[in-house]
Amino acid sequence: MTNLLAAKTLNESLAEIVANISTLMDSFWIYIVLALAAVVVIWGAYVGIKIAIAHKNEEKINARDMIKNLIIGIIIIFVVAMGAPLLIEGLGAWVGISA
């Protein structure tokens, strides 16, 4: 009986945590996306300027590597941005609530 009560309490606690996380994500999700977009735009402008002013071959190679890193970073940001809400919904489904 105590295990059933502890499991129910744990389940309720997890449901409350998932609901709080979902509410928190809903409240400032647009600001996170805007901030990440601003970082990508600023870093992209910086890399573009580095390419434009690169005169030596070594500087051009470094600038190309920066472009590759920028593209990889954009892909990682996209995966995290798409995966976080799915993870929260999955946690909610696991706990037994609809997030």
N, C-alpha and C. Protein backbone atom coordinates (compact mmCIF):
# COMPACT_ATOMS: atom_id res chain seq x y z
N MET A 1 0.82 -1.19 0.00
CA MET A 1 0.00 0.00 0.00
C MET A 1 0.87 1.25 0.00
N THR A 2 1.96 1.23 0.79
CA THR A 2 2.84 2.40 0.83
C THR A 2 3.53 2.62 -0.51
N ASN A 3 3.88 1.54 -1.20
CA ASN A 3 4.51 1.69 -2.51
C ASN A 3 3.54 2.31 -3.51
N LEU A 4 2.28 1.91 -3.43
CA LEU A 4 1.28 2.47 -4.32
C LEU A 4 1.09 3.97 -4.04
N LEU A 5 1.09 4.34 -2.76
CA LEU A 5 0.95 5.74 -2.37
C LEU A 5 2.17 6.54 -2.81
N ALA A 6 3.36 5.96 -2.64
CA ALA A 6 4.59 6.64 -3.06
C ALA A 6 4.63 6.80 -4.58
N ALA A 7 4.20 5.79 -5.30
CA ALA A 7 4.18 5.87 -6.76
C ALA A 7 3.18 6.91 -7.23
N LYS A 8 2.03 6.99 -6.55
CA LYS A 8 1.03 7.98 -6.93
C LYS A 8 1.56 9.38 -6.64
N THR A 9 2.22 9.56 -5.51
CA THR A 9 2.79 10.86 -5.16
C THR A 9 3.88 11.24 -6.15
N LEU A 10 4.72 10.30 -6.52
CA LEU A 10 5.77 10.56 -7.50
C LEU A 10 5.17 10.91 -8.84
N ASN A 11 4.13 10.19 -9.25
CA ASN A 11 3.46 10.46 -10.51
C ASN A 11 2.85 11.86 -10.51
N GLU A 12 2.22 12.23 -9.41
CA GLU A 12 1.64 13.57 -9.30
C GLU A 12 2.73 14.64 -9.33
N SER A 13 3.85 14.37 -8.67
CA SER A 13 4.96 15.32 -8.67
C SER A 13 5.54 15.50 -10.07
N LEU A 14 5.70 14.39 -10.77
CA LEU A 14 6.21 14.48 -12.14
C LEU A 14 5.22 15.21 -13.05
N ALA A 15 3.94 14.96 -12.86
CA ALA A 15 2.93 15.66 -13.66
C ALA A 15 2.98 17.15 -13.40
N GLU A 16 3.17 17.53 -12.15
CA GLU A 16 3.27 18.96 -11.82
C GLU A 16 4.52 19.59 -12.43
N ILE A 17 5.64 18.86 -12.39
CA ILE A 17 6.89 19.36 -12.97
C ILE A 17 6.74 19.54 -14.48
N VAL A 18 6.16 18.56 -15.14
CA VAL A 18 5.97 18.64 -16.59
C VAL A 18 5.05 19.80 -16.95
N ALA A 19 3.99 19.98 -16.18
CA ALA A 19 3.08 21.09 -16.44
C ALA A 19 3.78 22.43 -16.25
N ASN A 20 4.61 22.54 -15.23
CA ASN A 20 5.35 23.78 -15.00
C ASN A 20 6.36 24.05 -16.11
N ILE A 21 7.06 23.02 -16.55
CA ILE A 21 8.04 23.19 -17.63
C ILE A 21 7.32 23.58 -18.92
N SER A 22 6.20 22.95 -19.18
CA SER A 22 5.44 23.28 -20.39
C SER A 22 4.95 24.72 -20.36
N THR A 23 4.45 25.16 -19.22
CA THR A 23 4.01 26.54 -19.08
C THR A 23 5.17 27.51 -19.24
N LEU A 24 6.30 27.18 -18.66
CA LEU A 24 7.48 28.02 -18.76
C LEU A 24 7.96 28.12 -20.21
N MET A 25 8.00 27.00 -20.91
CA MET A 25 8.44 27.01 -22.31
C MET A 25 7.47 27.81 -23.18
N ASP A 26 6.17 27.66 -22.92
CA ASP A 26 5.19 28.40 -23.69
C ASP A 26 5.30 29.90 -23.47
N SER A 27 5.68 30.29 -22.26
CA SER A 27 5.71 31.71 -21.94
C SER A 27 6.86 32.45 -22.59
N PHE A 28 8.01 31.81 -22.76
CA PHE A 28 9.13 32.56 -23.35
C PHE A 28 9.78 31.87 -24.54
N TRP A 29 9.07 30.99 -25.20
CA TRP A 29 9.62 30.27 -26.35
C TRP A 29 9.97 31.23 -27.49
N ILE A 30 9.10 32.20 -27.76
CA ILE A 30 9.34 33.14 -28.87
C ILE A 30 10.60 33.96 -28.61
N TYR A 31 10.86 34.30 -27.34
CA TYR A 31 12.05 35.08 -27.02
C TYR A 31 13.33 34.27 -27.21
N ILE A 32 13.26 32.99 -26.91
CA ILE A 32 14.41 32.11 -27.14
C ILE A 32 14.71 32.03 -28.64
N VAL A 33 13.68 31.83 -29.43
CA VAL A 33 13.85 31.72 -30.88
C VAL A 33 14.40 33.03 -31.46
N LEU A 34 13.86 34.16 -31.01
CA LEU A 34 14.36 35.46 -31.49
C LEU A 34 15.81 35.70 -31.09
N ALA A 35 16.17 35.32 -29.86
CA ALA A 35 17.56 35.50 -29.42
C ALA A 35 18.51 34.62 -30.23
N LEU A 36 18.13 33.39 -30.48
CA LEU A 36 18.98 32.50 -31.28
C LEU A 36 19.09 33.00 -32.72
N ALA A 37 17.99 33.50 -33.26
CA ALA A 37 18.03 34.05 -34.62
C ALA A 37 18.94 35.27 -34.68
N ALA A 38 18.90 36.11 -33.66
CA ALA A 38 19.77 37.28 -33.62
C ALA A 38 21.24 36.88 -33.56
N VAL A 39 21.55 35.86 -32.76
CA VAL A 39 22.92 35.38 -32.67
C VAL A 39 23.39 34.85 -34.01
N VAL A 40 22.54 34.10 -34.70
CA VAL A 40 22.91 33.55 -36.00
C VAL A 40 23.14 34.67 -37.01
N VAL A 41 22.29 35.68 -37.01
CA VAL A 41 22.44 36.79 -37.96
C VAL A 41 23.72 37.57 -37.67
N ILE A 42 23.98 37.87 -36.41
CA ILE A 42 25.19 38.62 -36.05
C ILE A 42 26.44 37.82 -36.38
N TRP A 43 26.43 36.54 -36.02
CA TRP A 43 27.61 35.71 -36.31
C TRP A 43 27.79 35.54 -37.82
N GLY A 44 26.70 35.42 -38.55
CA GLY A 44 26.78 35.31 -40.01
C GLY A 44 27.36 36.57 -40.63
N ALA A 45 26.97 37.73 -40.12
CA ALA A 45 27.53 39.00 -40.61
C ALA A 45 29.02 39.08 -40.30
N TYR A 46 29.39 38.64 -39.11
CA TYR A 46 30.81 38.65 -38.73
C TYR A 46 31.63 37.74 -39.65
N VAL A 47 31.12 36.56 -39.92
CA VAL A 47 31.82 35.62 -40.81
C VAL A 47 31.88 36.19 -42.22
N GLY A 48 30.81 36.82 -42.68
CA GLY A 48 30.81 37.44 -44.02
C GLY A 48 31.85 38.54 -44.13
N ILE A 49 31.98 39.34 -43.09
CA ILE A 49 33.00 40.39 -43.09
C ILE A 49 34.39 39.78 -43.09
N LYS A 50 34.58 38.71 -42.32
CA LYS A 50 35.90 38.04 -42.29
C LYS A 50 36.26 37.50 -43.68
N ILE A 51 35.27 36.98 -44.40
CA ILE A 51 35.54 36.46 -45.74
C ILE A 51 35.86 37.61 -46.69
N ALA A 52 35.13 38.70 -46.56
CA ALA A 52 35.32 39.83 -47.46
C ALA A 52 36.69 40.49 -47.30
N ILE A 53 37.21 40.51 -46.08
CA ILE A 53 38.49 41.19 -45.86
C ILE A 53 39.68 40.23 -45.85
N ALA A 54 39.42 38.95 -46.08
CA ALA A 54 40.50 37.97 -46.08
C ALA A 54 41.36 38.14 -47.34
N HIS A 55 42.64 38.39 -47.13
CA HIS A 55 43.56 38.56 -48.25
C HIS A 55 44.50 37.38 -48.40
N LYS A 56 44.95 36.84 -47.28
CA LYS A 56 45.86 35.71 -47.34
C LYS A 56 45.07 34.41 -47.48
N ASN A 57 45.71 33.43 -48.06
CA ASN A 57 45.07 32.14 -48.28
C ASN A 57 44.68 31.50 -46.94
N GLU A 58 45.53 31.65 -45.94
CA GLU A 58 45.24 31.07 -44.63
C GLU A 58 44.00 31.72 -44.01
N GLU A 59 43.84 33.01 -44.18
CA GLU A 59 42.66 33.70 -43.64
C GLU A 59 41.39 33.23 -44.35
N LYS A 60 41.48 32.96 -45.65
CA LYS A 60 40.33 32.47 -46.40
C LYS A 60 39.93 31.07 -45.93
N ILE A 61 40.92 30.24 -45.66
CA ILE A 61 40.64 28.89 -45.16
C ILE A 61 39.98 28.95 -43.79
N ASN A 62 40.47 29.84 -42.92
CA ASN A 62 39.86 30.00 -41.59
C ASN A 62 38.43 30.51 -41.71
N ALA A 63 38.20 31.42 -42.65
CA ALA A 63 36.85 31.95 -42.85
C ALA A 63 35.91 30.86 -43.36
N ARG A 64 36.39 29.99 -44.24
CA ARG A 64 35.56 28.88 -44.72
C ARG A 64 35.23 27.91 -43.58
N ASP A 65 36.21 27.68 -42.72
CA ASP A 65 35.94 26.83 -41.55
C ASP A 65 34.89 27.47 -40.64
N MET A 66 34.93 28.79 -40.53
CA MET A 66 33.93 29.49 -39.72
C MET A 66 32.54 29.33 -40.33
N ILE A 67 32.45 29.32 -41.65
CA ILE A 67 31.15 29.10 -42.31
C ILE A 67 30.64 27.70 -42.01
N LYS A 68 31.53 26.71 -42.09
CA LYS A 68 31.13 25.34 -41.77
C LYS A 68 30.63 25.25 -40.34
N ASN A 69 31.35 25.89 -39.41
CA ASN A 69 30.93 25.87 -38.01
C ASN A 69 29.59 26.59 -37.82
N LEU A 70 29.37 27.67 -38.56
CA LEU A 70 28.10 28.39 -38.48
C LEU A 70 26.95 27.50 -38.95
N ILE A 71 27.15 26.79 -40.04
CA ILE A 71 26.10 25.90 -40.56
C ILE A 71 25.82 24.77 -39.57
N ILE A 72 26.88 24.19 -39.00
CA ILE A 72 26.70 23.13 -38.00
C ILE A 72 25.96 23.68 -36.79
N GLY A 73 26.30 24.89 -36.36
CA GLY A 73 25.61 25.51 -35.23
C GLY A 73 24.14 25.75 -35.50
N ILE A 74 23.82 26.19 -36.72
CA ILE A 74 22.42 26.42 -37.09
C ILE A 74 21.65 25.10 -37.05
N ILE A 75 22.26 24.03 -37.54
CA ILE A 75 21.61 22.72 -37.52
C ILE A 75 21.38 22.26 -36.08
N ILE A 76 22.37 22.44 -35.22
CA ILE A 76 22.22 22.04 -33.82
C ILE A 76 21.13 22.85 -33.14
N ILE A 77 21.09 24.16 -33.39
CA ILE A 77 20.05 25.01 -32.81
C ILE A 77 18.68 24.56 -33.29
N PHE A 78 18.55 24.24 -34.56
CA PHE A 78 17.28 23.78 -35.11
C PHE A 78 16.83 22.48 -34.46
N VAL A 79 17.76 21.54 -34.31
CA VAL A 79 17.42 20.25 -33.71
C VAL A 79 16.98 20.43 -32.26
N VAL A 80 17.70 21.27 -31.51
CA VAL A 80 17.33 21.50 -30.12
C VAL A 80 15.98 22.23 -30.03
N ALA A 81 15.78 23.22 -30.90
CA ALA A 81 14.53 23.98 -30.88
C ALA A 81 13.34 23.10 -31.23
N MET A 82 13.52 22.15 -32.11
CA MET A 82 12.42 21.26 -32.47
C MET A 82 12.29 20.11 -31.48
N GLY A 83 13.38 19.71 -30.87
CA GLY A 83 13.35 18.56 -29.97
C GLY A 83 12.87 18.86 -28.57
N ALA A 84 13.08 20.08 -28.08
CA ALA A 84 12.70 20.42 -26.71
C ALA A 84 11.20 20.28 -26.47
N PRO A 85 10.35 20.87 -27.34
CA PRO A 85 8.90 20.68 -27.10
C PRO A 85 8.47 19.21 -27.23
N LEU A 86 9.09 18.49 -28.15
CA LEU A 86 8.75 17.07 -28.29
C LEU A 86 9.15 16.29 -27.06
N LEU A 87 10.29 16.64 -26.47
CA LEU A 87 10.75 15.97 -25.26
C LEU A 87 9.79 16.25 -24.10
N ILE A 88 9.33 17.49 -24.00
CA ILE A 88 8.39 17.84 -22.93
C ILE A 88 7.06 17.12 -23.13
N GLU A 89 6.58 17.06 -24.37
CA GLU A 89 5.34 16.32 -24.64
C GLU A 89 5.51 14.83 -24.35
N GLY A 90 6.66 14.29 -24.70
CA GLY A 90 6.93 12.89 -24.42
C GLY A 90 6.98 12.60 -22.93
N LEU A 91 7.58 13.52 -22.18
CA LEU A 91 7.63 13.36 -20.72
C LEU A 91 6.23 13.44 -20.15
N GLY A 92 5.42 14.35 -20.70
CA GLY A 92 4.04 14.45 -20.25
C GLY A 92 3.24 13.19 -20.56
N ALA A 93 3.46 12.62 -21.73
CA ALA A 93 2.76 11.38 -22.08
C ALA A 93 3.22 10.23 -21.21
N TRP A 94 4.49 10.24 -20.86
CA TRP A 94 5.03 9.17 -20.00
C TRP A 94 4.44 9.25 -18.61
N VAL A 95 4.26 10.48 -18.12
CA VAL A 95 3.68 10.67 -16.81
C VAL A 95 2.19 10.43 -16.83
N GLY A 96 1.58 10.67 -17.99
CA GLY A 96 0.15 10.39 -18.11
C GLY A 96 -0.71 11.63 -18.18
N ILE A 97 -0.08 12.77 -18.51
CA ILE A 97 -0.86 14.00 -18.69
C ILE A 97 -0.64 14.49 -20.10
N SER A 98 -1.49 15.35 -20.57
CA SER A 98 -1.29 15.96 -21.88
C SER A 98 -0.69 17.32 -21.65
N ALA A 99 0.56 17.50 -22.11
CA ALA A 99 1.27 18.76 -21.86
C ALA A 99 0.85 19.82 -22.85
